[in-house]
C-alpha atoms as a PDB file:
ATOM      1  CA  MET A   1       0.000   0.000   0.000  1.00  0.00           C
ATOM      2  CA  THR A   2       2.846   2.400   0.504  1.00  0.00           C
ATOM      3  CA  THR A   3       4.070   1.839  -3.019  1.00  0.00           C
ATOM      4  CA  PRO A   4       1.346   3.959  -4.751  1.00  0.00           C
ATOM      5  CA  ASN A   5       2.035   6.893  -2.408  1.00  0.00           C
ATOM      6  CA  LEU A   6       5.733   6.599  -3.060  1.00  0.00           C
ATOM      7  CA  HIS A   7       5.042   6.387  -6.772  1.00  0.00           C
ATOM      8  CA  GLU A   8       2.873   9.567  -6.653  1.00  0.00           C
ATOM      9  CA  ALA A   9       5.530  11.403  -4.630  1.00  0.00           C
ATOM     10  CA  HIS A  10       8.151  10.435  -7.206  1.00  0.00           C
ATOM     11  CA  LYS A  11       5.914  11.708 -10.034  1.00  0.00           C
ATOM     12  CA  GLU A  12       5.372  14.990  -8.197  1.00  0.00           C
ATOM     13  CA  TYR A  13       9.118  15.351  -7.645  1.00  0.00           C
ATOM     14  CA  ASN A  14       9.776  14.793 -11.367  1.00  0.00           C
ATOM     15  CA  ARG A  15       7.135  17.403 -12.312  1.00  0.00           C
ATOM     16  CA  ALA A  16       8.731  19.949  -9.990  1.00  0.00           C
ATOM     17  CA  GLN A  17      12.197  19.247 -11.419  1.00  0.00           C
ATOM     18  CA  TRP A  18      10.864  19.568 -14.956  1.00  0.00           C
ATOM     19  CA  ALA A  19       9.127  22.879 -14.134  1.00  0.00           C
ATOM     20  CA  LEU A  20      12.338  24.202 -12.561  1.00  0.00           C
ATOM     21  CA  LYS A  21      14.409  23.226 -15.598  1.00  0.00           C
ATOM     22  CA  THR A  22      11.807  24.693 -17.937  1.00  0.00           C
ATOM     23  CA  GLU A  23      11.820  28.016 -16.057  1.00  0.00           C
ATOM     24  CA  GLU A  24      15.622  28.050 -16.125  1.00  0.00           C
ATOM     25  CA  LYS A  25      15.551  27.385 -19.883  1.00  0.00           C
ATOM     26  CA  LYS A  26      13.023  30.190 -20.392  1.00  0.00           C
ATOM     27  CA  GLN A  27      15.148  32.616 -18.398  1.00  0.00           C
ATOM     28  CA  LYS A  28      18.286  31.634 -20.326  1.00  0.00           C
ATOM     29  CA  HIS A  29      16.407  32.048 -23.616  1.00  0.00           C
ATOM     30  CA  ARG A  30      15.232  35.538 -22.556  1.00  0.00           C
ATOM     31  CA  GLU A  31      18.784  36.550 -21.697  1.00  0.00           C
ATOM     32  CA  ASN A  32      20.098  35.236 -25.028  1.00  0.00           C
ATOM     33  CA  CYS A  33      17.405  37.142 -26.934  1.00  0.00           C
ATOM     34  CA  LYS A  34      18.124  40.340 -25.017  1.00  0.00           C
ATOM     35  CA  ASN A  35      21.869  40.050 -25.630  1.00  0.00           C
ATOM     36  CA  ASN A  36      21.298  39.295 -29.304  1.00  0.00           C
ATOM     37  CA  TYR A  37      18.990  42.303 -29.609  1.00  0.00           C
ATOM     38  CA  LEU A  38      21.477  44.641 -27.929  1.00  0.00           C
ATOM     39  CA  LYS A  39      24.337  43.324 -30.046  1.00  0.00           C
ATOM     40  CA  ASN A  40      22.520  43.576 -33.392  1.00  0.00           C
ATOM     41  CA  HIS A  41      20.070  46.437 -32.868  1.00  0.00           C
ATOM     42  CA  GLU A  42      22.175  49.213 -34.411  1.00  0.00           C
ATOM     43  CA  ALA A  43      23.101  47.036 -37.401  1.00  0.00           C
ATOM     44  CA  ASN A  44      19.442  46.140 -37.977  1.00  0.00           C
ATOM     45  CA  LEU A  45      18.418  49.802 -37.806  1.00  0.00           C
ATOM     46  CA  GLN A  46      21.127  50.656 -40.335  1.00  0.00           C
ATOM     47  CA  LYS A  47      19.948  47.894 -42.709  1.00  0.00           C
ATOM     48  CA  GLN A  48      16.355  49.111 -42.451  1.00  0.00           C
ATOM     49  CA  ALA A  49      17.409  52.702 -43.129  1.00  0.00           C
ATOM     50  CA  GLU A  50      19.377  51.618 -46.177  1.00  0.00           C
ATOM     51  CA  ALA A  51      16.419  49.579 -47.443  1.00  0.00           C
ATOM     52  CA  ARG A  52      14.198  52.675 -47.185  1.00  0.00           C
ATOM     53  CA  GLN A  53      16.595  54.611 -49.425  1.00  0.00           C
ATOM     54  CA  THR A  54      16.226  52.310 -52.427  1.00  0.00           C
ATOM     55  CA  GLU A  55      14.267  53.560 -55.424  1.00  0.00           C
ATOM     56  CA  GLU A  56      12.118  50.435 -55.365  1.00  0.00           C
ATOM     57  CA  TYR A  57      11.013  51.116 -51.777  1.00  0.00           C
ATOM     58  CA  LYS A  58      10.352  54.791 -52.496  1.00  0.00           C
ATOM     59  CA  ALA A  59       8.220  53.912 -55.521  1.00  0.00           C
ATOM     60  CA  LYS A  60       6.314  51.323 -53.514  1.00  0.00           C
ATOM     61  CA  MET A  61       5.629  53.832 -50.711  1.00  0.00           C
ATOM     62  CA  ALA A  62       4.556  56.538 -53.181  1.00  0.00           C
ATOM     63  CA  GLU A  63       2.102  54.071 -54.696  1.00  0.00           C
ATOM     64  CA  TYR A  64       0.835  53.109 -51.231  1.00  0.00           C
ATOM     65  CA  ARG A  65       0.298  56.758 -50.232  1.00  0.00           C
ATOM     66  CA  GLN A  66      -1.889  57.226 -53.317  1.00  0.00           C
ATOM     67  CA  SER A  67      -3.975  54.151 -52.512  1.00  0.00           C
ATOM     68  CA  GLU A  68      -7.148  54.360 -50.438  1.00  0.00           C
ATOM     69  CA  ALA A  69      -5.500  52.433 -47.585  1.00  0.00           C
ATOM     70  CA  GLY A  70      -2.523  54.821 -47.593  1.00  0.00           C
ATOM     71  CA  LYS A  71      -4.746  57.909 -47.544  1.00  0.00           C
ATOM     72  CA  LYS A  72      -6.786  56.448 -44.688  1.00  0.00           C
ATOM     73  CA  SER A  73      -3.677  55.560 -42.700  1.00  0.00           C
ATOM     74  CA  SER A  74      -2.222  59.028 -43.204  1.00  0.00           C
ATOM     75  CA  ARG A  75      -5.454  60.791 -42.220  1.00  0.00           C
ATOM     76  CA  ILE A  76      -5.883  58.734 -39.027  1.00  0.00           C
ATOM     77  CA  SER A  77      -2.233  59.243 -38.134  1.00  0.00           C
ATOM     78  CA  ASN A  78      -2.667  63.012 -38.492  1.00  0.00           C
ATOM     79  CA  TRP A  79      -5.772  62.983 -36.307  1.00  0.00           C
ATOM     80  CA  LYS A  80      -3.848  61.178 -33.594  1.00  0.00           C
ATOM     81  CA  GLN A  81      -0.994  63.695 -33.804  1.00  0.00           C
ATOM     82  CA  TRP A  82      -3.475  66.565 -33.494  1.00  0.00           C
ATOM     83  CA  GLY A  83      -4.942  65.045 -30.328  1.00  0.00           C
ATOM     84  CA  VAL A  84      -8.179  63.584 -31.698  1.00  0.00           C
ATOM     85  CA  ILE A  85      -9.287  60.702 -29.480  1.00  0.00           C
ATOM     86  CA  SER A  86     -11.730  58.105 -30.772  1.00  0.00           C
ATOM     87  CA  ASP A  87     -12.807  54.633 -29.715  1.00  0.00           C
ATOM     88  CA  ASP A  88     -13.031  53.548 -33.358  1.00  0.00           C
ATOM     89  CA  TYR A  89     -10.882  55.453 -35.856  1.00  0.00           C
ATOM     90  CA  ASP A  90     -12.137  53.282 -38.729  1.00  0.00           C
ATOM     91  CA  ALA A  91     -15.740  54.307 -38.049  1.00  0.00           C
ATOM     92  CA  LEU A  92     -14.665  57.944 -37.663  1.00  0.00           C
ATOM     93  CA  TYR A  93     -12.853  57.785 -41.020  1.00  0.00           C
ATOM     94  CA  THR A  94     -15.924  56.253 -42.668  1.00  0.00           C
ATOM     95  CA  LYS A  95     -18.120  59.017 -41.226  1.00  0.00           C
ATOM     96  CA  TRP A  96     -15.611  61.665 -42.359  1.00  0.00           C
ATOM     97  CA  LYS A  97     -15.505  60.140 -45.846  1.00  0.00           C
ATOM     98  CA  GLU A  98     -19.309  59.952 -46.185  1.00  0.00           C
ATOM     99  CA  THR A  99     -20.076  63.428 -44.814  1.00  0.00           C
ATOM    100  CA  THR A 100     -20.643  65.884 -47.652  1.00  0.00           C
ATOM    101  CA  HIS A 101     -22.161  68.871 -45.831  1.00  0.00           C
ATOM    102  CA  CYS A 102     -20.984  70.730 -42.745  1.00  0.00           C
ATOM    103  CA  GLU A 103     -22.894  69.595 -39.667  1.00  0.00           C
ATOM    104  CA  GLU A 104     -22.796  73.172 -38.354  1.00  0.00           C
ATOM    105  CA  CYS A 105     -23.630  75.465 -41.296  1.00  0.00           C
ATOM    106  CA  THR A 106     -24.770  72.814 -43.858  1.00  0.00           C
ATOM    107  CA  ILE A 107     -22.512  74.165 -46.619  1.00  0.00           C
ATOM    108  CA  GLU A 108     -21.143  71.624 -49.084  1.00  0.00           C
ATOM    109  CA  MET A 109     -17.589  70.687 -48.125  1.00  0.00           C
ATOM    110  CA  VAL A 110     -14.652  69.799 -50.355  1.00  0.00           C
ATOM    111  CA  GLU A 111     -12.018  67.137 -49.829  1.00  0.00           C
ATOM    112  CA  GLY A 112      -8.401  68.113 -49.786  1.00  0.00           C
ATOM    113  CA  ASN A 113      -6.222  70.394 -47.749  1.00  0.00           C
ATOM    114  CA  GLU A 114      -7.154  73.767 -49.193  1.00  0.00           C
ATOM    115  CA  GLY A 115     -10.051  76.142 -48.875  1.00  0.00           C
ATOM    116  CA  LYS A 116     -12.222  77.363 -46.063  1.00  0.00           C
ATOM    117  CA  HIS A 117     -14.835  74.702 -46.798  1.00  0.00           C
ATOM    118  CA  LYS A 118     -12.543  71.693 -46.518  1.00  0.00           C
ATOM    119  CA  LYS A 119     -13.630  68.818 -44.277  1.00  0.00           C
ATOM    120  CA  THR A 120     -12.271  68.805 -40.741  1.00  0.00           C
ATOM    121  CA  VAL A 121     -12.868  66.735 -37.636  1.00  0.00           C
ATOM    122  CA  ASP A 122     -13.952  69.053 -34.843  1.00  0.00           C
ATOM    123  CA  HIS A 123     -12.768  67.936 -31.423  1.00  0.00           C
ATOM    124  CA  ASP A 124     -12.604  69.332 -27.922  1.00  0.00           C
ATOM    125  CA  HIS A 125      -8.998  70.332 -27.259  1.00  0.00           C
ATOM    126  CA  ASN A 126      -9.341  69.670 -23.529  1.00  0.00           C
ATOM    127  CA  THR A 127     -10.663  66.114 -23.755  1.00  0.00           C
ATOM    128  CA  GLY A 128      -9.717  65.176 -27.336  1.00  0.00           C
ATOM    129  CA  LYS A 129     -13.205  63.788 -27.957  1.00  0.00           C
ATOM    130  CA  VAL A 130     -14.682  64.213 -31.429  1.00  0.00           C
ATOM    131  CA  ARG A 131     -17.709  66.489 -31.686  1.00  0.00           C
ATOM    132  CA  ASN A 132     -18.567  66.240 -35.390  1.00  0.00           C
ATOM    133  CA  ILE A 133     -17.435  66.783 -38.987  1.00  0.00           C
ATOM    134  CA  VAL A 134     -17.512  70.453 -39.979  1.00  0.00           C
ATOM    135  CA  CYS A 135     -16.034  72.794 -42.576  1.00  0.00           C
ATOM    136  CA  ASN A 136     -12.746  74.495 -41.755  1.00  0.00           C
ATOM    137  CA  SER A 137     -14.443  77.847 -41.244  1.00  0.00           C
ATOM    138  CA  CYS A 138     -16.812  76.479 -38.578  1.00  0.00           C
ATOM    139  CA  ASN A 139     -13.957  74.545 -36.979  1.00  0.00           C
ATOM    140  CA  VAL A 140     -11.881  77.714 -36.569  1.00  0.00           C
ATOM    141  CA  LYS A 141     -14.880  79.619 -35.152  1.00  0.00           C
ATOM    142  CA  ARG A 142     -15.542  76.839 -32.632  1.00  0.00           C
ATOM    143  CA  GLY A 143     -11.875  76.651 -31.667  1.00  0.00           C
ATOM    144  CA  ASN A 144     -11.763  80.377 -31.074  1.00  0.00           C
ATOM    145  CA  ALA A 145     -14.967  80.218 -29.038  1.00  0.00           C
ATOM    146  CA  ASP A 146     -13.511  77.378 -26.942  1.00  0.00           C
ATOM    147  CA  ARG A 147     -10.405  79.418 -26.211  1.00  0.00           C
ATOM    148  CA  GLY A 148     -12.362  82.605 -25.546  1.00  0.00           C
ATOM    149  CA  VAL A 149     -10.834  84.450 -28.506  1.00  0.00           C
ATOM    150  CA  VAL A 150     -12.804  87.519 -29.510  1.00  0.00           C
ATOM    151  CA  LYS A 151     -12.647  88.495 -33.165  1.00  0.00           C
ATOM    152  CA  GLN A 152     -10.868  91.813 -33.557  1.00  0.00           C
ATOM    153  CA  THR A 153     -11.733  94.568 -35.944  1.00  0.00           C
ATOM    154  CA  ASP A 154      -9.153  95.271 -38.636  1.00  0.00           C
ATOM    155  CA  ALA A 155      -8.129  98.488 -36.890  1.00  0.00           C
ATOM    156  CA  ASP A 156      -7.549  96.691 -33.560  1.00  0.00           C
ATOM    157  CA  TYR A 157      -5.648  93.918 -35.320  1.00  0.00           C
ATOM    158  CA  ASN A 158      -3.322  96.400 -37.067  1.00  0.00           C
ATOM    159  CA  LEU A 159      -2.761  98.357 -33.848  1.00  0.00           C
ATOM    160  CA  ASN A 160      -1.885  95.155 -31.963  1.00  0.00           C
ATOM    161  CA  ARG A 161       0.496  94.138 -34.763  1.00  0.00           C
ATOM    162  CA  LYS A 162       2.154  97.552 -34.527  1.00  0.00           C
ATOM    163  CA  TYR A 163       2.728  97.183 -30.762  1.00  0.00           C
ATOM    164  CA  LYS A 164       3.912  93.608 -31.281  1.00  0.00           C
ATOM    165  CA  ARG A 165       6.499  94.776 -33.822  1.00  0.00           C
ATOM    166  CA  TRP A 166       7.703  97.448 -31.416  1.00  0.00           C
ATOM    167  CA  ALA A 167       7.978  94.916 -28.613  1.00  0.00           C
ATOM    168  CA  ASP A 168       9.951  92.540 -30.822  1.00  0.00           C
ATOM    169  CA  ASN A 169      12.342  95.243 -32.012  1.00  0.00           C
ATOM    170  CA  PHE A 170      13.133  96.825 -28.658  1.00  0.00           C
ATOM    171  CA  PRO A 171      14.573  95.225 -25.546  1.00  0.00           C
ATOM    172  CA  LYS A 172      12.348  95.458 -22.473  1.00  0.00           C
ATOM    173  CA  GLU A 173      14.185  98.481 -21.019  1.00  0.00           C
ATOM    174  CA  LYS A 174      13.876 100.434 -24.241  1.00  0.00           C
ATOM    175  CA  TRP A 175      10.271  99.303 -24.599  1.00  0.00           C
ATOM    176  CA  ALA A 176       9.302 101.022 -21.348  1.00  0.00           C
ATOM    177  CA  LEU A 177      10.965 104.208 -22.607  1.00  0.00           C
ATOM    178  CA  LYS A 178       9.235 103.856 -25.994  1.00  0.00           C
ATOM    179  CA  LYS A 179       5.825 103.466 -24.283  1.00  0.00           C
ATOM    180  CA  ALA A 180       6.479 106.660 -22.347  1.00  0.00           C
ATOM    181  CA  PHE A 181       7.298 108.548 -25.573  1.00  0.00           C
ATOM    182  CA  ILE A 182       4.146 107.172 -27.200  1.00  0.00           C
ATOM    183  CA  ALA A 183       2.049 108.314 -24.252  1.00  0.00           C
ATOM    184  CA  ILE A 184       3.600 111.804 -24.407  1.00  0.00           C
ATOM    185  CA  SER A 185       3.142 112.067 -28.186  1.00  0.00           C
ATOM    186  CA  GLN A 186      -0.591 111.376 -27.908  1.00  0.00           C
ATOM    187  CA  PHE A 187      -1.182 114.620 -25.945  1.00  0.00           C
END
């Protein structure tokens, strides 16, 4: 009767030894991979950089950028760089692609990167969440409203530019003196 218990204990011992050896092998493998990576990383980066300089690669990438997948990838990448946050960028791209009229002023929008009626994704700059697809003109108005920017008259704009130029051209000490002369000359 003691033999089965001894047999089970022996099996358990063998399993533990095997698990220990397996963990040691895994750790050794990890160390080898890490060392190999550190040793060859710079060389691999150099090979990849050289591969990107070939005419064949450049032609392939130019073709990809003109494809629908390339345009989509580029657009989504730009949105991410600008701080647009979305749960589903594919759905957002589809909505952006299908939207033809501004959701704010209902004007017909154009695709591309030029014009005041180009399509833009309006998002809250504080949270990054998308609000809707609007024309560039409405997007700028909303952005200014979010930041509390008040539209200036042309006269105010030119006057502010004039003071800005003076401030840029004169060091702070001279600027105080210049302001005093301006105040005196207005009397």
